[in-house]
Amino acid sequence: MDRTIDLIDKFNEKVGNAVSWLTVLMVITISLDVVFRYILKFSFIWITELEIYFFGMLFLLGSGYTFKHEQHVRVDVFYAKLSKKGRAVINLIGGVLFLLPWCVIVLMSSWQYAYRSFLFKETSPQPGGLPALYILKFCLFLGFFFLLVQGVSSILKSVRTIFLSKKQ
């Protein structure tokens, strides 16, 4: 179990570190857009769409990394006051009943969504927009895959805490 947890955690750590470079690309793209728009008084639709692509990719592909580091949105009214074992029980229940099923549903539907887009070679509906809209749509699938895999790690950590750790 520990090897599986370590493997998944290392995988999402590497993905998160790689994806973080999209932030640099996004900042450069936004800066160019600002220069074009406010100094040179014109803009390109493809630059605006590229900003959206980078933000979407960053958000989606970084989801497993964010979950690994427990930086996702959580209501901590009661959770923070629980013991380590109590938090593990909540994480286990939430992971099994909500996270995994939701990830599977999104994976199944997003694969079809992205694959159809790829088959049609879907591009931006905007004149002058970016080609290959399916790349962003496949990021939806990949993001939920990374989240699902990290969810498995979280569930295994919870099981380890509940059943294998000393009484707390």
C-alpha atoms as a PDB file:
ATOM      1  CA  MET A   1       0.000   0.000   0.000  1.00  0.00           C
ATOM      2  CA  ASP A   2       2.819   2.419   0.877  1.00  0.00           C
ATOM      3  CA  ARG A   3       4.506   1.818  -2.484  1.00  0.00           C
ATOM      4  CA  THR A   4       1.278   2.630  -4.325  1.00  0.00           C
ATOM      5  CA  ILE A   5       0.800   5.811  -2.289  1.00  0.00           C
ATOM      6  CA  ASP A   6       4.397   6.893  -2.914  1.00  0.00           C
ATOM      7  CA  LEU A   7       4.142   6.141  -6.634  1.00  0.00           C
ATOM      8  CA  ILE A   8       0.923   8.132  -7.040  1.00  0.00           C
ATOM      9  CA  ASP A   9       2.200  11.037  -4.926  1.00  0.00           C
ATOM     10  CA  LYS A  10       5.462  11.239  -6.877  1.00  0.00           C
ATOM     11  CA  PHE A  11       3.571  11.080 -10.160  1.00  0.00           C
ATOM     12  CA  ASN A  12       1.258  13.970  -9.275  1.00  0.00           C
ATOM     13  CA  GLU A  13       4.168  15.927  -7.815  1.00  0.00           C
ATOM     14  CA  LYS A  14       5.981  15.689 -11.159  1.00  0.00           C
ATOM     15  CA  VAL A  15       2.823  16.583 -13.082  1.00  0.00           C
ATOM     16  CA  GLY A  16       2.213  19.568 -10.809  1.00  0.00           C
ATOM     17  CA  ASN A  17       5.784  20.822 -11.179  1.00  0.00           C
ATOM     18  CA  ALA A  18       5.600  20.495 -14.966  1.00  0.00           C
ATOM     19  CA  VAL A  19       2.176  22.140 -15.168  1.00  0.00           C
ATOM     20  CA  SER A  20       3.334  25.050 -13.010  1.00  0.00           C
ATOM     21  CA  TRP A  21       5.353  26.271 -15.992  1.00  0.00           C
ATOM     22  CA  LEU A  22       2.057  27.059 -17.699  1.00  0.00           C
ATOM     23  CA  THR A  23       1.809  29.953 -15.242  1.00  0.00           C
ATOM     24  CA  VAL A  24       4.915  31.502 -16.770  1.00  0.00           C
ATOM     25  CA  LEU A  25       3.520  31.063 -20.284  1.00  0.00           C
ATOM     26  CA  MET A  26       0.198  32.515 -19.192  1.00  0.00           C
ATOM     27  CA  VAL A  27       1.843  35.584 -17.633  1.00  0.00           C
ATOM     28  CA  ILE A  28       3.917  36.173 -20.775  1.00  0.00           C
ATOM     29  CA  THR A  29       0.829  35.798 -22.966  1.00  0.00           C
ATOM     30  CA  ILE A  30      -1.238  38.170 -20.832  1.00  0.00           C
ATOM     31  CA  SER A  31       1.610  40.688 -20.791  1.00  0.00           C
ATOM     32  CA  LEU A  32       1.844  40.576 -24.590  1.00  0.00           C
ATOM     33  CA  ASP A  33      -1.921  40.996 -24.831  1.00  0.00           C
ATOM     34  CA  VAL A  34      -1.768  44.047 -22.567  1.00  0.00           C
ATOM     35  CA  VAL A  35       1.019  45.592 -24.657  1.00  0.00           C
ATOM     36  CA  PHE A  36      -0.849  44.916 -27.905  1.00  0.00           C
ATOM     37  CA  ARG A  37      -4.177  46.106 -26.577  1.00  0.00           C
ATOM     38  CA  TYR A  38      -3.259  49.225 -24.608  1.00  0.00           C
ATOM     39  CA  ILE A  39      -0.035  50.422 -26.194  1.00  0.00           C
ATOM     40  CA  LEU A  40      -0.360  49.332 -29.809  1.00  0.00           C
ATOM     41  CA  LYS A  41      -4.181  49.642 -29.765  1.00  0.00           C
ATOM     42  CA  PHE A  42      -5.007  46.262 -31.335  1.00  0.00           C
ATOM     43  CA  SER A  43      -5.413  42.677 -30.229  1.00  0.00           C
ATOM     44  CA  PHE A  44      -5.595  39.191 -31.633  1.00  0.00           C
ATOM     45  CA  ILE A  45      -8.375  36.788 -30.723  1.00  0.00           C
ATOM     46  CA  TRP A  46      -5.875  33.915 -30.654  1.00  0.00           C
ATOM     47  CA  ILE A  47      -3.933  35.617 -27.836  1.00  0.00           C
ATOM     48  CA  THR A  48      -7.083  35.955 -25.757  1.00  0.00           C
ATOM     49  CA  GLU A  49      -7.949  32.328 -26.420  1.00  0.00           C
ATOM     50  CA  LEU A  50      -4.397  31.263 -25.548  1.00  0.00           C
ATOM     51  CA  GLU A  51      -4.812  32.954 -22.154  1.00  0.00           C
ATOM     52  CA  ILE A  52      -7.974  30.911 -21.612  1.00  0.00           C
ATOM     53  CA  TYR A  53      -6.250  27.694 -22.743  1.00  0.00           C
ATOM     54  CA  PHE A  54      -3.322  28.222 -20.372  1.00  0.00           C
ATOM     55  CA  PHE A  55      -5.606  29.039 -17.443  1.00  0.00           C
ATOM     56  CA  GLY A  56      -7.840  26.032 -18.139  1.00  0.00           C
ATOM     57  CA  MET A  57      -4.879  23.691 -18.521  1.00  0.00           C
ATOM     58  CA  LEU A  58      -3.282  25.013 -15.340  1.00  0.00           C
ATOM     59  CA  PHE A  59      -6.497  24.613 -13.373  1.00  0.00           C
ATOM     60  CA  LEU A  60      -7.374  21.163 -14.736  1.00  0.00           C
ATOM     61  CA  LEU A  61      -3.970  19.520 -14.970  1.00  0.00           C
ATOM     62  CA  GLY A  62      -2.950  20.821 -11.551  1.00  0.00           C
ATOM     63  CA  SER A  63      -5.992  19.365  -9.781  1.00  0.00           C
ATOM     64  CA  GLY A  64      -4.272  16.169  -8.597  1.00  0.00           C
ATOM     65  CA  TYR A  65      -1.268  18.142  -7.354  1.00  0.00           C
ATOM     66  CA  THR A  66      -3.546  20.578  -5.535  1.00  0.00           C
ATOM     67  CA  PHE A  67      -5.476  17.715  -3.933  1.00  0.00           C
ATOM     68  CA  LYS A  68      -2.220  16.024  -2.889  1.00  0.00           C
ATOM     69  CA  HIS A  69      -1.174  19.160  -1.017  1.00  0.00           C
ATOM     70  CA  GLU A  70      -4.684  19.614   0.470  1.00  0.00           C
ATOM     71  CA  GLN A  71      -5.039  23.037  -1.112  1.00  0.00           C
ATOM     72  CA  HIS A  72      -8.478  22.397  -2.585  1.00  0.00           C
ATOM     73  CA  VAL A  73     -11.565  24.135  -1.271  1.00  0.00           C
ATOM     74  CA  ARG A  74     -12.808  22.600   1.956  1.00  0.00           C
ATOM     75  CA  VAL A  75     -15.232  23.673   4.639  1.00  0.00           C
ATOM     76  CA  ASP A  76     -13.148  23.300   7.796  1.00  0.00           C
ATOM     77  CA  VAL A  77     -15.766  24.162  10.394  1.00  0.00           C
ATOM     78  CA  PHE A  78     -15.681  20.717  12.003  1.00  0.00           C
ATOM     79  CA  TYR A  79     -12.929  18.963  10.067  1.00  0.00           C
ATOM     80  CA  ALA A  80     -10.067  20.972  11.590  1.00  0.00           C
ATOM     81  CA  LYS A  81     -11.199  20.062  15.123  1.00  0.00           C
ATOM     82  CA  LEU A  82     -11.220  16.303  14.454  1.00  0.00           C
ATOM     83  CA  SER A  83      -8.423  13.929  15.399  1.00  0.00           C
ATOM     84  CA  LYS A  84      -6.158  12.546  12.685  1.00  0.00           C
ATOM     85  CA  LYS A  85      -8.249   9.368  12.645  1.00  0.00           C
ATOM     86  CA  GLY A  86     -11.494  11.381  12.476  1.00  0.00           C
ATOM     87  CA  ARG A  87     -10.208  13.356   9.492  1.00  0.00           C
ATOM     88  CA  ALA A  88      -9.168  10.086   7.858  1.00  0.00           C
ATOM     89  CA  VAL A  89     -12.710   8.709   8.276  1.00  0.00           C
ATOM     90  CA  ILE A  90     -14.185  11.838   6.660  1.00  0.00           C
ATOM     91  CA  ASN A  91     -11.632  11.643   3.824  1.00  0.00           C
ATOM     92  CA  LEU A  92     -12.354   7.954   3.282  1.00  0.00           C
ATOM     93  CA  ILE A  93     -16.125   8.430   3.163  1.00  0.00           C
ATOM     94  CA  GLY A  94     -15.860  11.519   0.958  1.00  0.00           C
ATOM     95  CA  GLY A  95     -13.388   9.853  -1.362  1.00  0.00           C
ATOM     96  CA  VAL A  96     -15.336   6.639  -1.817  1.00  0.00           C
ATOM     97  CA  LEU A  97     -18.853   8.132  -1.957  1.00  0.00           C
ATOM     98  CA  PHE A  98     -18.201  11.398  -3.794  1.00  0.00           C
ATOM     99  CA  LEU A  99     -14.737  11.882  -5.287  1.00  0.00           C
ATOM    100  CA  LEU A 100     -14.195   8.555  -7.063  1.00  0.00           C
ATOM    101  CA  PRO A 101     -17.706   8.228  -8.541  1.00  0.00           C
ATOM    102  CA  TRP A 102     -17.715  11.844  -9.706  1.00  0.00           C
ATOM    103  CA  CYS A 103     -14.281  11.460 -11.314  1.00  0.00           C
ATOM    104  CA  VAL A 104     -15.398   8.294 -13.120  1.00  0.00           C
ATOM    105  CA  ILE A 105     -18.537  10.019 -14.424  1.00  0.00           C
ATOM    106  CA  VAL A 106     -16.561  13.020 -15.664  1.00  0.00           C
ATOM    107  CA  LEU A 107     -13.874  10.770 -17.191  1.00  0.00           C
ATOM    108  CA  MET A 108     -16.451   8.770 -19.131  1.00  0.00           C
ATOM    109  CA  SER A 109     -18.282  11.815 -20.434  1.00  0.00           C
ATOM    110  CA  SER A 110     -15.214  13.989 -21.072  1.00  0.00           C
ATOM    111  CA  TRP A 111     -13.509  11.262 -23.106  1.00  0.00           C
ATOM    112  CA  GLN A 112     -16.431  11.195 -25.536  1.00  0.00           C
ATOM    113  CA  TYR A 113     -16.559  15.004 -25.540  1.00  0.00           C
ATOM    114  CA  ALA A 114     -12.850  15.352 -26.362  1.00  0.00           C
ATOM    115  CA  TYR A 115     -12.723  12.431 -28.772  1.00  0.00           C
ATOM    116  CA  ARG A 116     -15.635  13.771 -30.843  1.00  0.00           C
ATOM    117  CA  SER A 117     -13.932  17.151 -30.933  1.00  0.00           C
ATOM    118  CA  PHE A 118     -10.733  15.475 -32.163  1.00  0.00           C
ATOM    119  CA  LEU A 119     -12.569  13.497 -34.865  1.00  0.00           C
ATOM    120  CA  PHE A 120     -14.153  16.687 -36.168  1.00  0.00           C
ATOM    121  CA  LYS A 121     -10.850  18.588 -35.849  1.00  0.00           C
ATOM    122  CA  GLU A 122     -12.784  21.189 -33.886  1.00  0.00           C
ATOM    123  CA  THR A 123     -11.349  24.685 -33.918  1.00  0.00           C
ATOM    124  CA  SER A 124     -12.322  27.946 -32.328  1.00  0.00           C
ATOM    125  CA  PRO A 125     -15.623  29.345 -33.597  1.00  0.00           C
ATOM    126  CA  GLN A 126     -14.008  32.790 -33.639  1.00  0.00           C
ATOM    127  CA  PRO A 127     -12.402  34.081 -36.851  1.00  0.00           C
ATOM    128  CA  GLY A 128      -8.672  34.130 -36.180  1.00  0.00           C
ATOM    129  CA  GLY A 129      -9.078  31.836 -33.167  1.00  0.00           C
ATOM    130  CA  LEU A 130      -6.932  28.890 -32.225  1.00  0.00           C
ATOM    131  CA  PRO A 131      -7.080  25.547 -33.974  1.00  0.00           C
ATOM    132  CA  ALA A 132      -7.217  22.269 -32.056  1.00  0.00           C
ATOM    133  CA  LEU A 133      -9.861  23.062 -29.452  1.00  0.00           C
ATOM    134  CA  TYR A 134      -9.796  19.341 -28.671  1.00  0.00           C
ATOM    135  CA  ILE A 135      -6.458  19.792 -26.858  1.00  0.00           C
ATOM    136  CA  LEU A 136      -8.202  21.823 -24.167  1.00  0.00           C
ATOM    137  CA  LYS A 137     -11.034  19.296 -24.071  1.00  0.00           C
ATOM    138  CA  PHE A 138      -8.584  16.434 -23.548  1.00  0.00           C
ATOM    139  CA  CYS A 139      -7.138  18.412 -20.625  1.00  0.00           C
ATOM    140  CA  LEU A 140     -10.528  18.044 -18.942  1.00  0.00           C
ATOM    141  CA  PHE A 141     -10.131  14.268 -19.175  1.00  0.00           C
ATOM    142  CA  LEU A 142      -6.496  14.329 -18.014  1.00  0.00           C
ATOM    143  CA  GLY A 143      -7.231  16.668 -15.117  1.00  0.00           C
ATOM    144  CA  PHE A 144      -9.905  14.376 -13.739  1.00  0.00           C
ATOM    145  CA  PHE A 145      -7.662  11.369 -14.319  1.00  0.00           C
ATOM    146  CA  PHE A 146      -4.929  13.013 -12.217  1.00  0.00           C
ATOM    147  CA  LEU A 147      -7.526  13.878  -9.569  1.00  0.00           C
ATOM    148  CA  LEU A 148      -8.890  10.307  -9.560  1.00  0.00           C
ATOM    149  CA  VAL A 149      -5.429   8.816  -9.140  1.00  0.00           C
ATOM    150  CA  GLN A 150      -4.645  11.212  -6.294  1.00  0.00           C
ATOM    151  CA  GLY A 151      -8.029  10.349  -4.789  1.00  0.00           C
ATOM    152  CA  VAL A 152      -6.968   6.703  -4.686  1.00  0.00           C
ATOM    153  CA  SER A 153      -3.805   7.757  -2.842  1.00  0.00           C
ATOM    154  CA  SER A 154      -5.882   9.796  -0.382  1.00  0.00           C
ATOM    155  CA  ILE A 155      -8.214   6.862   0.245  1.00  0.00           C
ATOM    156  CA  LEU A 156      -5.284   4.517   0.827  1.00  0.00           C
ATOM    157  CA  LYS A 157      -3.735   7.026   3.262  1.00  0.00           C
ATOM    158  CA  SER A 158      -7.050   7.188   5.110  1.00  0.00           C
ATOM    159  CA  VAL A 159      -7.274   3.396   5.303  1.00  0.00           C
ATOM    160  CA  ARG A 160      -3.705   3.275   6.591  1.00  0.00           C
ATOM    161  CA  THR A 161      -4.458   5.909   9.226  1.00  0.00           C
ATOM    162  CA  ILE A 162      -7.699   4.279  10.367  1.00  0.00           C
ATOM    163  CA  PHE A 163      -6.659   0.646  10.421  1.00  0.00           C
ATOM    164  CA  LEU A 164      -2.888   0.491  10.585  1.00  0.00           C
ATOM    165  CA  SER A 165      -1.827   3.351  12.826  1.00  0.00           C
ATOM    166  CA  LYS A 166      -1.612   3.202  16.609  1.00  0.00           C
ATOM    167  CA  LYS A 167      -4.659   4.201  18.586  1.00  0.00           C
ATOM    168  CA  GLN A 168      -5.052   7.990  18.740  1.00  0.00           C
END
